[in-house]
Protein backbone atom coordinates (compact mmCIF):
# COMPACT_ATOMS: atom_id res chain seq x y z
CA UNK A 1 26.46 -4.80 10.00
CA UNK A 2 25.78 -1.72 8.52
CA UNK A 3 23.91 -1.44 4.95
CA UNK A 4 26.19 -1.36 2.39
CA UNK A 5 25.67 1.91 0.31
CA UNK A 6 25.03 0.98 -3.42
CA UNK A 7 25.20 3.96 -5.61
CA UNK A 8 22.58 4.93 -7.99
CA UNK A 9 24.27 3.98 -11.15
CA UNK A 10 25.20 0.47 -9.73
CA UNK A 11 21.72 -0.20 -8.59
CA UNK A 12 20.51 0.80 -12.24
CA UNK A 13 23.02 -1.26 -13.82
CA UNK A 14 21.92 -4.23 -11.43
CA UNK A 15 18.28 -3.73 -12.32
CA UNK A 16 19.00 -3.34 -16.12
CA UNK A 17 21.06 -6.72 -15.91
CA UNK A 18 18.13 -8.38 -14.08
CA UNK A 19 15.71 -7.43 -16.37
CA UNK A 20 17.59 -8.66 -19.48
CA UNK A 21 18.08 -11.96 -17.86
CA UNK A 22 14.52 -12.22 -16.97
CA UNK A 23 13.66 -11.29 -20.44
CA UNK A 24 16.24 -14.00 -21.87
CA UNK A 25 14.58 -16.76 -19.44
CA UNK A 26 10.97 -15.62 -20.52
CA UNK A 27 10.48 -15.45 -16.60
CA UNK A 28 7.44 -13.48 -16.61
CA UNK A 29 6.91 -13.05 -12.90
CA UNK A 30 10.56 -11.73 -12.86
CA UNK A 31 9.57 -9.20 -15.00
CA UNK A 32 6.70 -8.26 -13.31
CA UNK A 33 8.62 -7.50 -10.03
CA UNK A 34 11.51 -5.98 -11.65
CA UNK A 35 9.23 -3.61 -13.83
CA UNK A 36 7.01 -2.58 -10.22
CA UNK A 37 10.16 -1.94 -8.82
CA UNK A 38 11.58 0.46 -11.84
CA UNK A 39 8.50 2.24 -12.04
CA UNK A 40 8.25 2.79 -8.16
CA UNK A 41 12.06 4.92 -8.71
CA UNK A 42 11.75 6.12 -12.20
CA UNK A 43 8.14 6.36 -13.19
CA UNK A 44 6.28 4.65 -16.01
CA UNK A 45 7.89 6.71 -18.77
CA UNK A 46 11.24 5.46 -17.91
CA UNK A 47 9.95 1.89 -18.18
CA UNK A 48 8.59 2.50 -21.51
CA UNK A 49 12.29 3.70 -22.30
CA UNK A 50 13.95 0.65 -21.00
CA UNK A 51 11.38 -1.83 -22.73
CA UNK A 52 12.21 0.06 -26.06
CA UNK A 53 16.13 0.26 -25.41
CA UNK A 54 16.41 -3.59 -24.10
CA UNK A 55 13.91 -5.71 -25.60
CA UNK A 56 13.29 -6.59 -29.46
CA UNK A 57 9.67 -6.25 -30.90
CA UNK A 58 8.69 -10.48 -29.76
CA UNK A 59 10.35 -9.43 -26.30
CA UNK A 60 8.37 -6.41 -26.03
CA UNK A 61 5.55 -8.08 -26.80
CA UNK A 62 6.47 -10.78 -24.13
CA UNK A 63 6.87 -7.89 -21.21
CA UNK A 64 3.91 -6.32 -22.33
CA UNK A 65 1.91 -9.51 -21.32
CA UNK A 66 3.77 -10.32 -18.34
CA UNK A 67 2.83 -6.96 -17.14
CA UNK A 68 -0.84 -7.37 -17.97
CA UNK A 69 -1.06 -10.68 -16.14
CA UNK A 70 -2.38 -10.17 -12.65
CA UNK A 71 0.37 -11.46 -9.87
CA UNK A 72 0.12 -15.03 -8.87
CA UNK A 73 -0.32 -15.75 -5.12
CA UNK A 74 2.41 -17.61 -3.58
CA UNK A 75 1.44 -20.84 -2.74
CA UNK A 76 0.56 -21.93 0.67
CA UNK A 77 2.83 -24.38 2.17
CA UNK A 78 1.05 -27.79 2.56
CA UNK A 79 1.27 -29.46 6.27
CA UNK A 80 3.71 -32.47 6.05
CA UNK A 81 1.07 -34.73 8.30
CA UNK A 82 -0.68 -37.37 6.95
CA UNK A 83 -4.56 -38.04 8.38
CA UNK A 84 -3.06 -41.18 10.16
CA UNK A 85 -0.38 -39.10 12.06
CA UNK A 86 -2.88 -36.64 13.43
CA UNK A 87 -2.96 -36.21 17.04
CA UNK A 88 -5.82 -37.92 18.97
CA UNK A 89 -8.28 -35.17 20.83
CA UNK A 90 -10.13 -36.21 24.05
CA UNK A 91 -13.47 -35.28 23.82
CA UNK A 92 -14.17 -32.84 27.04
CA UNK A 93 -17.37 -32.48 28.89
CA UNK A 94 -19.09 -29.13 28.32
CA UNK A 95 -18.34 -26.63 30.81
CA UNK A 96 -21.73 -24.40 32.02
CA UNK A 97 -20.58 -20.94 32.85
CA UNK A 98 -22.94 -19.09 34.86
CA UNK A 99 -22.42 -15.13 35.34
CA UNK A 100 -23.95 -13.65 38.17
CA UNK A 101 -24.08 -9.83 38.80
CA UNK A 102 -22.86 -8.59 41.96
CA UNK A 103 -25.81 -8.10 44.10
CA UNK A 104 -23.84 -5.21 45.83
CA UNK A 105 -23.64 -2.76 43.25
CA UNK A 106 -25.99 -0.32 42.51
CA UNK A 107 -27.47 -0.06 38.82
CA UNK A 108 -26.27 2.70 36.80
CA UNK A 109 -28.28 5.14 35.59
CA UNK A 110 -27.22 7.67 33.05
CA UNK A 111 -29.14 11.06 32.62
CA UNK A 112 -28.46 13.07 29.86
CA UNK A 113 -29.32 16.55 29.87
CA UNK A 114 -30.88 18.10 26.99
CA UNK A 115 -28.46 20.68 25.76
CA UNK A 116 -29.23 22.77 22.35
CA UNK A 117 -26.62 21.56 19.25
CA UNK A 118 -23.48 23.61 19.42
CA UNK A 119 -23.70 26.03 16.31
CA UNK A 120 -22.02 25.16 12.98
CA UNK A 121 -18.65 26.13 12.67
CA UNK A 122 -17.97 29.48 10.63
CA UNK A 123 -17.10 28.72 6.64
CA UNK A 124 -13.61 28.52 6.19
CA UNK A 125 -13.40 31.65 4.55
CA UNK A 126 -14.53 33.85 7.22
CA UNK A 127 -12.35 31.94 9.65
CA UNK A 128 -9.08 32.52 7.76
CA UNK A 129 -9.88 36.13 6.61
CA UNK A 130 -8.23 37.20 10.29
CA UNK A 131 -4.88 35.95 9.36
CA UNK A 132 -4.91 36.29 5.54
CA UNK A 133 -3.95 38.89 3.66
CA UNK A 134 -6.99 40.20 1.59
CA UNK A 135 -6.48 39.85 -2.17
CA UNK A 136 -8.20 42.52 -4.28
CA UNK A 137 -7.32 40.62 -7.53
CA UNK A 138 -4.01 40.99 -9.68
CA UNK A 139 -2.13 44.13 -8.95
CA UNK A 140 -0.74 44.96 -12.12
CA UNK A 141 0.19 48.60 -11.04
CA UNK A 142 2.83 47.01 -8.42
CA UNK A 143 4.32 45.30 -11.69
CA UNK A 144 4.40 48.19 -13.84
CA UNK A 145 6.34 50.44 -11.35
């Protein structure tokens, strides 16, 4: 199914309604998530404007406190198996592994050739001078004519 296009105005109205509902329910986690979305899309200045427009003084205080709290990690699902239901694991004897090198392969010897180090690359300025135009300061005479 193709994605349904939602106009920016409708998306903004939905976000505004969700923020108002989170404020009424005093849901700090929802306020934090919706505020993060608002800041991501419109910037922190817009968040401050919306806080002033949507919330009364006590609600603004609650909103700021919700944003100041660190996000709560989602609880991990607990296993539904009781200790009595754990499967029995048979103990296996230890396995001895012996790794032998193939005797037919000759030993590998690497010889490093002494090479002088490569010269350091030229500074960026001199490297770019070939294709950048020369700059002799502002040319005010061009502007005057």
